């Protein structure tokens, strides 16, 4: 078996949820976002841990994710943030999912199906306050609500929106969005008599203390131990869940003038010792780390040399004594006194920690600790 392994620390997950509750205040409910396979960490074990640790609600993207959680035994309310397609509405009602609602025709279909099954389906209204992605445009909301009001079999139990730049230092646009959202919530209360959950605070808003007073928060990346962007002192107490390690499979000392990997993008200028690792872009290790990334071997940082291949990557271990086949390689996480973070990898390749977690976590065998 290829020795590549993702380790997920569920103890760190419980710690992060506790920290989120501390920052938000005891009055806040927590809607924990576990969509996209819990950002590569494994949706079902993560969701079960969060449910047992006191998360009030779980957030998925699509109906299939919600059905998978129900099939695994999760009983918490599950918000389907993408909403439902017409042919998914019956399953959403049957399995007690809570769709995001922003299309009247979907509301009408949910109403008919719920009435036929003798049920009342909870929905959360999605309001677009400036993300321009999904939702009822905030200016159109009163008219939408008036058309929604006569529908039986559905109940608006929540209203939410999404903030576009809550993770940025300039909060002007965030404040504008929250202002629009407050007007939308008041319209729901006035027209529908709404008294349910209200949530707009994502991880960035939580760190910036924005929208916490609305009663429910919706953290994502903070659950997994990373800030939405760097530079948040309040994020220092959060612990990353994910580690990624492999093993050296070959070590060779090569003379000057030796080219390494495809394209001959790295050529030795003197004798160098090269270790080969069975990790490549097929394992989610980004090709942009070619001649750019670093890994930990014997507790020391060593550079990636040459291009990252589909299944193999080379590192220069010159000067590190006794490196041999079978030695542990840490590509993400801690070894000795040093560590490589998702933020560091993301910075090197021009992306965000979210993508690093998703691609690594979904591409490798996962092992869970501290369950």
Foldseek 3Di string as FASTA:
>chain_A
DFFKEKEFELVLLLVLVVLLCVLLDVQAAEAEECELCLLLAGRQVNLVSCVVSHHQEYEYAAVVSVVVNVVSPDDHAYEHAVFYDLVCLLVCLVSQHAYADADVVSLQSNLVNLVVVVAAHEYEAEEELDPPDDHHDLVCLLVSLLSNQVRHRYDHQHYEYEDDPLQDPDCPVVVSSVVSLVVNVVSCCVRVVHDHQYEHAEQSCSLVVHPSVRRYYYYRVSSQLDHQAPDRPSSPSRDHGIWIKGWFAAKDWDAFQDADEPPSPDTHRGTWIKTKTQQAVLLVQDQLLEQFAWKAFPQDTWHWYGTGDNGMTMTTPPPPPDRGTGTMIIRAAGDDPDGDHLQNSCVRRVHTSSSSSSRNSVNHHYDYPPD
